[in-house]
């Protein structure tokens, strides 16, 4: 697994995802941004096909657009949620499906947005090597 890799994984409330319609999990794309000292991947998750318009404006502002023409594993033009870092165990990623890779320029944009995020603390970013 490398920085920029994208996996389709099943995530749940423990992962910061709200499943829909009473389901226990939800399939989401996870973009690997790096690894912590415990061996967990952290990432700019989640790639959403739409931005929930009921969300606060600050949440909407931290969704970076990505085009399916650039990333053919996407079925639709989508958005990377750059408001908060998420983590996933390597076993969870290994159980998922590798879908492709986000290029280095877009990884830099995702990390830049996370650095500016009002929901991320400097200490937490440092824990993940994002300064």
N, C-alpha and C. Protein backbone atom coordinates (compact mmCIF):
# COMPACT_ATOMS: atom_id res chain seq x y z
N UNK A 1 0.84 -1.19 0.00
CA UNK A 1 0.00 0.00 0.00
C UNK A 1 0.88 1.24 0.00
N UNK A 2 0.45 2.20 -0.79
CA UNK A 2 1.23 3.42 -0.95
C UNK A 2 0.33 4.65 -0.84
N UNK A 3 0.98 5.78 -0.57
CA UNK A 3 0.26 7.05 -0.56
C UNK A 3 -0.38 7.24 -1.93
N UNK A 4 -1.64 7.63 -1.91
CA UNK A 4 -2.39 7.85 -3.15
C UNK A 4 -3.25 6.68 -3.56
N UNK A 5 -3.00 5.50 -2.99
CA UNK A 5 -3.82 4.34 -3.32
C UNK A 5 -5.25 4.56 -2.85
N UNK A 6 -6.20 4.07 -3.64
CA UNK A 6 -7.62 4.18 -3.33
C UNK A 6 -8.20 2.78 -3.21
N UNK A 7 -8.92 2.55 -2.11
CA UNK A 7 -9.57 1.27 -1.86
C UNK A 7 -11.06 1.50 -1.63
N UNK A 8 -11.87 0.58 -2.13
CA UNK A 8 -13.29 0.57 -1.80
C UNK A 8 -13.44 -0.35 -0.61
N UNK A 9 -13.85 0.20 0.53
CA UNK A 9 -13.93 -0.56 1.77
C UNK A 9 -15.29 -0.37 2.42
N UNK A 10 -15.61 -1.30 3.32
CA UNK A 10 -16.82 -1.16 4.11
C UNK A 10 -16.47 -0.44 5.40
N UNK A 11 -17.13 0.70 5.62
CA UNK A 11 -16.88 1.50 6.80
C UNK A 11 -18.17 1.61 7.60
N UNK A 12 -18.01 1.91 8.90
CA UNK A 12 -19.17 2.01 9.77
C UNK A 12 -19.04 3.23 10.68
N UNK A 13 -19.92 3.31 11.66
CA UNK A 13 -19.92 4.46 12.58
C UNK A 13 -18.58 4.60 13.31
N UNK A 14 -17.93 3.50 13.62
CA UNK A 14 -16.62 3.56 14.27
C UNK A 14 -15.57 4.22 13.39
N UNK A 15 -15.81 4.22 12.09
CA UNK A 15 -14.91 4.84 11.14
C UNK A 15 -15.33 6.28 10.81
N UNK A 16 -16.38 6.75 11.47
CA UNK A 16 -16.87 8.11 11.22
C UNK A 16 -17.83 8.21 10.05
N UNK A 17 -18.41 7.08 9.66
CA UNK A 17 -19.34 7.03 8.53
C UNK A 17 -20.73 6.71 9.04
N UNK A 18 -21.72 7.38 8.51
CA UNK A 18 -23.11 7.09 8.88
C UNK A 18 -23.72 6.22 7.80
N UNK A 19 -23.94 4.93 8.10
CA UNK A 19 -24.59 4.06 7.11
C UNK A 19 -26.02 4.53 6.83
N UNK A 20 -26.52 4.18 5.66
CA UNK A 20 -27.87 4.59 5.26
C UNK A 20 -28.87 3.47 5.44
N UNK A 21 -30.12 3.84 5.62
CA UNK A 21 -31.26 2.93 5.61
C UNK A 21 -31.10 1.74 6.56
N UNK A 22 -30.55 1.98 7.76
CA UNK A 22 -30.46 0.94 8.76
C UNK A 22 -29.33 -0.06 8.54
N UNK A 23 -28.51 0.12 7.53
CA UNK A 23 -27.39 -0.80 7.27
C UNK A 23 -26.32 -0.62 8.35
N UNK A 24 -25.51 -1.64 8.56
CA UNK A 24 -24.43 -1.58 9.55
C UNK A 24 -23.17 -0.94 8.97
N UNK A 25 -22.98 -1.06 7.66
CA UNK A 25 -21.78 -0.52 7.02
C UNK A 25 -22.17 0.19 5.73
N UNK A 26 -21.17 0.82 5.16
CA UNK A 26 -21.38 1.53 3.90
C UNK A 26 -20.10 1.44 3.08
N UNK A 27 -20.23 1.11 1.80
CA UNK A 27 -19.07 1.06 0.91
C UNK A 27 -18.63 2.50 0.61
N UNK A 28 -17.34 2.77 0.86
CA UNK A 28 -16.79 4.09 0.59
C UNK A 28 -15.38 3.94 0.04
N UNK A 29 -14.97 4.91 -0.73
CA UNK A 29 -13.59 4.96 -1.19
C UNK A 29 -12.73 5.59 -0.09
N UNK A 30 -11.54 5.02 0.12
CA UNK A 30 -10.58 5.52 1.10
C UNK A 30 -9.30 5.85 0.36
N UNK A 31 -8.85 7.10 0.47
CA UNK A 31 -7.62 7.55 -0.18
C UNK A 31 -6.50 7.52 0.86
N UNK A 32 -5.49 6.69 0.65
CA UNK A 32 -4.38 6.58 1.60
C UNK A 32 -3.49 7.81 1.48
N UNK A 33 -3.29 8.51 2.62
CA UNK A 33 -2.39 9.65 2.66
C UNK A 33 -1.10 9.33 3.40
N UNK A 34 -1.11 8.26 4.18
CA UNK A 34 0.08 7.88 4.94
C UNK A 34 -0.27 6.84 5.98
N UNK A 35 0.69 6.58 6.87
CA UNK A 35 0.53 5.55 7.89
C UNK A 35 1.00 6.09 9.23
N UNK A 36 0.29 5.74 10.31
CA UNK A 36 0.71 6.18 11.63
C UNK A 36 1.66 5.16 12.25
N UNK A 37 2.15 5.46 13.45
CA UNK A 37 3.11 4.58 14.11
C UNK A 37 2.53 3.22 14.50
N UNK A 38 1.20 3.13 14.56
CA UNK A 38 0.55 1.86 14.90
C UNK A 38 0.26 1.02 13.66
N UNK A 39 0.64 1.51 12.50
CA UNK A 39 0.42 0.75 11.27
C UNK A 39 -0.92 0.97 10.63
N UNK A 40 -1.71 1.90 11.15
CA UNK A 40 -2.99 2.22 10.53
C UNK A 40 -2.77 3.20 9.39
N UNK A 41 -3.57 3.07 8.37
CA UNK A 41 -3.54 4.05 7.29
C UNK A 41 -4.42 5.22 7.69
N UNK A 42 -4.02 6.41 7.30
CA UNK A 42 -4.91 7.55 7.48
C UNK A 42 -5.15 8.13 6.10
N UNK A 43 -6.26 8.80 5.98
CA UNK A 43 -6.57 9.23 4.64
C UNK A 43 -7.54 10.37 4.52
N UNK A 44 -7.57 10.87 3.31
CA UNK A 44 -8.56 11.85 2.91
C UNK A 44 -9.73 11.05 2.41
N UNK A 45 -10.56 10.81 3.31
CA UNK A 45 -11.71 10.00 3.02
C UNK A 45 -12.85 10.98 3.02
N UNK A 46 -13.71 10.86 2.48
CA UNK A 46 -14.33 9.78 1.77
C UNK A 46 -14.62 10.37 0.42
N UNK A 47 -14.58 9.57 -0.60
CA UNK A 47 -15.00 10.11 -1.89
C UNK A 47 -16.51 9.95 -1.97
N UNK A 48 -17.18 11.06 -2.14
CA UNK A 48 -18.63 11.09 -2.24
C UNK A 48 -19.03 11.49 -3.66
N UNK A 49 -20.08 10.86 -4.18
CA UNK A 49 -20.54 11.24 -5.51
C UNK A 49 -21.31 12.56 -5.49
N UNK A 50 -21.84 12.92 -4.33
CA UNK A 50 -22.58 14.18 -4.18
C UNK A 50 -22.23 14.78 -2.83
N UNK A 51 -22.36 16.09 -2.73
CA UNK A 51 -22.22 16.76 -1.44
C UNK A 51 -23.61 16.92 -0.87
N UNK A 52 -23.79 16.46 0.35
CA UNK A 52 -25.07 16.59 1.03
C UNK A 52 -25.36 18.08 1.23
N UNK A 53 -26.37 18.60 0.58
CA UNK A 53 -26.68 20.03 0.63
C UNK A 53 -27.24 20.48 1.97
N UNK A 54 -27.60 19.52 2.85
CA UNK A 54 -28.08 19.88 4.18
C UNK A 54 -26.94 20.13 5.15
N UNK A 55 -25.72 19.83 4.73
CA UNK A 55 -24.55 20.04 5.58
C UNK A 55 -24.26 21.52 5.72
N UNK A 56 -23.55 21.87 6.81
CA UNK A 56 -23.10 23.24 6.99
C UNK A 56 -22.20 23.64 5.82
N UNK A 57 -22.14 24.92 5.53
CA UNK A 57 -21.32 25.41 4.42
C UNK A 57 -19.85 25.03 4.59
N UNK A 58 -19.34 25.05 5.82
CA UNK A 58 -17.93 24.71 6.04
C UNK A 58 -17.65 23.27 5.61
N UNK A 59 -18.59 22.38 5.81
CA UNK A 59 -18.42 20.98 5.38
C UNK A 59 -18.37 20.93 3.86
N UNK A 60 -19.27 21.64 3.20
CA UNK A 60 -19.29 21.67 1.74
C UNK A 60 -18.00 22.26 1.17
N UNK A 61 -17.48 23.29 1.84
CA UNK A 61 -16.28 23.97 1.35
C UNK A 61 -15.04 23.07 1.35
N UNK A 62 -15.03 22.03 2.16
CA UNK A 62 -13.87 21.14 2.27
C UNK A 62 -14.05 19.84 1.51
N UNK A 63 -14.84 19.87 0.45
CA UNK A 63 -14.99 18.74 -0.46
C UNK A 63 -14.30 19.10 -1.78
N UNK A 64 -13.19 18.43 -2.06
CA UNK A 64 -12.41 18.70 -3.27
C UNK A 64 -12.95 17.90 -4.45
N UNK A 65 -13.27 18.55 -5.55
CA UNK A 65 -13.79 17.81 -6.71
C UNK A 65 -12.72 16.95 -7.37
N UNK A 66 -13.13 15.76 -7.82
CA UNK A 66 -12.28 14.87 -8.62
C UNK A 66 -13.13 14.38 -9.79
N UNK A 67 -12.54 14.33 -10.95
CA UNK A 67 -13.25 13.99 -12.18
C UNK A 67 -13.09 12.51 -12.53
N UNK A 68 -14.17 11.89 -12.96
CA UNK A 68 -14.10 10.49 -13.39
C UNK A 68 -13.29 10.37 -14.68
N UNK A 69 -13.18 11.43 -15.46
CA UNK A 69 -12.35 11.38 -16.66
C UNK A 69 -10.86 11.25 -16.30
N UNK A 70 -10.47 11.73 -15.15
CA UNK A 70 -9.09 11.62 -14.66
C UNK A 70 -8.89 10.33 -13.88
N UNK A 71 -9.92 9.90 -13.16
CA UNK A 71 -9.86 8.72 -12.31
C UNK A 71 -10.95 7.74 -12.74
N UNK A 72 -10.66 6.88 -13.72
CA UNK A 72 -11.70 6.03 -14.32
C UNK A 72 -12.32 5.01 -13.36
N UNK A 73 -11.75 4.82 -12.17
CA UNK A 73 -12.40 3.93 -11.21
C UNK A 73 -13.65 4.57 -10.62
N UNK A 74 -13.79 5.88 -10.78
CA UNK A 74 -15.01 6.56 -10.33
C UNK A 74 -16.09 6.43 -11.40
N UNK A 75 -17.32 6.22 -10.97
CA UNK A 75 -18.42 6.17 -11.93
C UNK A 75 -18.97 7.55 -12.23
N UNK A 76 -18.73 8.51 -11.32
CA UNK A 76 -19.25 9.86 -11.46
C UNK A 76 -18.17 10.85 -11.06
N UNK A 77 -18.27 12.09 -11.53
CA UNK A 77 -17.47 13.15 -10.95
C UNK A 77 -17.84 13.18 -9.47
N UNK A 78 -16.86 13.29 -8.60
CA UNK A 78 -17.09 13.11 -7.17
C UNK A 78 -16.31 14.13 -6.36
N UNK A 79 -16.29 13.93 -5.04
CA UNK A 79 -15.68 14.88 -4.12
C UNK A 79 -14.96 14.13 -3.02
N UNK A 80 -13.72 14.57 -2.71
CA UNK A 80 -12.97 14.01 -1.59
C UNK A 80 -13.26 14.89 -0.38
N UNK A 81 -13.73 14.28 0.70
CA UNK A 81 -14.01 14.99 1.94
C UNK A 81 -12.68 15.27 2.64
N UNK A 82 -12.28 16.53 2.66
CA UNK A 82 -11.00 16.94 3.24
C UNK A 82 -11.19 17.67 4.57
N UNK A 83 -12.33 17.48 5.22
CA UNK A 83 -12.59 18.18 6.47
C UNK A 83 -11.89 17.50 7.65
N UNK A 84 -11.92 16.18 7.68
CA UNK A 84 -11.29 15.45 8.78
C UNK A 84 -10.57 14.22 8.26
N UNK A 85 -9.44 13.92 8.90
CA UNK A 85 -8.73 12.69 8.60
C UNK A 85 -9.51 11.50 9.14
N UNK A 86 -9.47 10.43 8.43
CA UNK A 86 -10.05 9.17 8.88
C UNK A 86 -8.92 8.16 8.97
N UNK A 87 -9.13 7.09 9.72
CA UNK A 87 -8.14 6.02 9.78
C UNK A 87 -8.81 4.71 9.42
N UNK A 88 -8.00 3.77 8.95
CA UNK A 88 -8.47 2.42 8.64
C UNK A 88 -7.31 1.47 8.88
N UNK A 89 -7.61 0.34 9.47
CA UNK A 89 -6.57 -0.66 9.68
C UNK A 89 -6.13 -1.21 8.33
N UNK A 90 -4.89 -1.68 8.30
CA UNK A 90 -4.40 -2.27 7.06
C UNK A 90 -5.21 -3.49 6.68
N UNK A 91 -5.71 -4.23 7.69
CA UNK A 91 -6.53 -5.41 7.38
C UNK A 91 -7.85 -5.00 6.73
N UNK A 92 -8.40 -3.86 7.15
CA UNK A 92 -9.65 -3.38 6.53
C UNK A 92 -9.40 -3.00 5.07
N UNK A 93 -8.27 -2.35 4.82
CA UNK A 93 -7.95 -1.99 3.44
C UNK A 93 -7.66 -3.23 2.61
N UNK A 94 -6.94 -4.19 3.20
CA UNK A 94 -6.61 -5.42 2.47
C UNK A 94 -7.87 -6.20 2.13
N UNK A 95 -8.91 -6.09 2.97
CA UNK A 95 -10.18 -6.77 2.71
C UNK A 95 -11.01 -6.03 1.66
N UNK A 96 -10.63 -4.79 1.40
CA UNK A 96 -11.34 -4.00 0.39
C UNK A 96 -10.81 -4.27 -1.00
N UNK A 97 -11.26 -3.50 -1.93
CA UNK A 97 -10.85 -3.64 -3.33
C UNK A 97 -10.00 -2.45 -3.73
N UNK A 98 -8.78 -2.73 -4.21
CA UNK A 98 -7.92 -1.67 -4.74
C UNK A 98 -8.56 -1.14 -6.02
N UNK A 99 -8.69 0.18 -6.11
CA UNK A 99 -9.37 0.77 -7.27
C UNK A 99 -8.48 1.60 -8.17
N UNK A 100 -7.39 2.12 -7.63
CA UNK A 100 -6.53 2.97 -8.44
C UNK A 100 -5.72 3.88 -7.56
N UNK A 101 -5.26 4.96 -8.15
CA UNK A 101 -4.38 5.86 -7.43
C UNK A 101 -4.72 7.31 -7.75
N UNK A 102 -4.69 8.15 -6.72
CA UNK A 102 -4.84 9.59 -6.88
C UNK A 102 -3.44 10.16 -7.14
N UNK A 103 -3.31 11.05 -8.12
CA UNK A 103 -1.97 11.53 -8.46
C UNK A 103 -1.40 12.46 -7.38
N UNK A 104 -0.08 12.65 -7.44
CA UNK A 104 0.62 13.40 -6.41
C UNK A 104 0.13 14.84 -6.28
N UNK A 105 -0.20 15.48 -7.39
CA UNK A 105 -0.69 16.86 -7.32
C UNK A 105 -2.00 16.94 -6.54
N UNK A 106 -2.91 16.00 -6.78
CA UNK A 106 -4.17 16.01 -6.04
C UNK A 106 -3.96 15.61 -4.58
N UNK A 107 -3.01 14.71 -4.31
CA UNK A 107 -2.70 14.37 -2.91
C UNK A 107 -2.23 15.62 -2.18
N UNK A 108 -1.39 16.42 -2.81
CA UNK A 108 -0.93 17.67 -2.19
C UNK A 108 -2.10 18.61 -1.90
N UNK A 109 -3.06 18.69 -2.82
CA UNK A 109 -4.24 19.53 -2.60
C UNK A 109 -5.08 19.02 -1.44
N UNK A 110 -5.25 17.70 -1.36
CA UNK A 110 -6.02 17.10 -0.26
C UNK A 110 -5.35 17.40 1.07
N UNK A 111 -4.04 17.20 1.14
CA UNK A 111 -3.30 17.45 2.38
C UNK A 111 -3.34 18.94 2.73
N UNK A 112 -3.22 19.80 1.74
CA UNK A 112 -3.32 21.24 1.99
C UNK A 112 -4.66 21.63 2.58
N UNK A 113 -5.73 21.05 2.05
CA UNK A 113 -7.07 21.33 2.58
C UNK A 113 -7.20 20.82 4.01
N UNK A 114 -6.66 19.64 4.29
CA UNK A 114 -6.71 19.11 5.65
C UNK A 114 -5.95 20.00 6.63
N UNK A 115 -4.82 20.55 6.21
CA UNK A 115 -4.05 21.45 7.06
C UNK A 115 -4.85 22.70 7.43
N UNK A 116 -5.67 23.16 6.49
CA UNK A 116 -6.49 24.35 6.70
C UNK A 116 -7.83 24.07 7.38
N UNK A 117 -8.17 22.81 7.51
CA UNK A 117 -9.49 22.44 8.02
C UNK A 117 -9.72 22.96 9.45
N UNK A 118 -10.89 23.56 9.67
CA UNK A 118 -11.22 24.02 11.02
C UNK A 118 -11.53 22.86 11.98
N UNK A 119 -11.65 21.66 11.46
CA UNK A 119 -11.98 20.50 12.31
C UNK A 119 -10.77 19.66 12.68
N UNK A 120 -9.60 20.02 12.17
CA UNK A 120 -8.38 19.28 12.50
C UNK A 120 -7.48 20.12 13.39
N UNK A 121 -6.98 19.52 14.44
CA UNK A 121 -6.06 20.17 15.37
C UNK A 121 -4.62 19.93 14.91
N UNK A 122 -3.76 20.90 15.17
CA UNK A 122 -2.35 20.80 14.76
C UNK A 122 -1.70 19.55 15.34
N UNK A 123 -2.01 19.23 16.60
CA UNK A 123 -1.39 18.05 17.24
C UNK A 123 -1.79 16.77 16.53
N UNK A 124 -3.02 16.68 16.13
CA UNK A 124 -3.49 15.47 15.41
C UNK A 124 -2.82 15.38 14.04
N UNK A 125 -2.72 16.48 13.35
CA UNK A 125 -2.05 16.49 12.05
C UNK A 125 -0.60 16.06 12.20
N UNK A 126 0.07 16.56 13.25
CA UNK A 126 1.46 16.17 13.50
C UNK A 126 1.57 14.68 13.78
N UNK A 127 0.62 14.13 14.52
CA UNK A 127 0.63 12.68 14.82
C UNK A 127 0.70 11.87 13.54
N UNK A 128 0.07 12.38 12.49
CA UNK A 128 0.04 11.69 11.22
C UNK A 128 1.10 12.20 10.26
N UNK A 129 2.01 13.03 10.75
CA UNK A 129 3.10 13.51 9.91
C UNK A 129 2.72 14.60 8.94
N UNK A 130 1.60 15.24 9.17
CA UNK A 130 1.15 16.35 8.32
C UNK A 130 1.43 17.64 9.08
N UNK A 131 2.34 18.45 8.56
CA UNK A 131 2.74 19.67 9.27
C UNK A 131 2.48 20.89 8.43
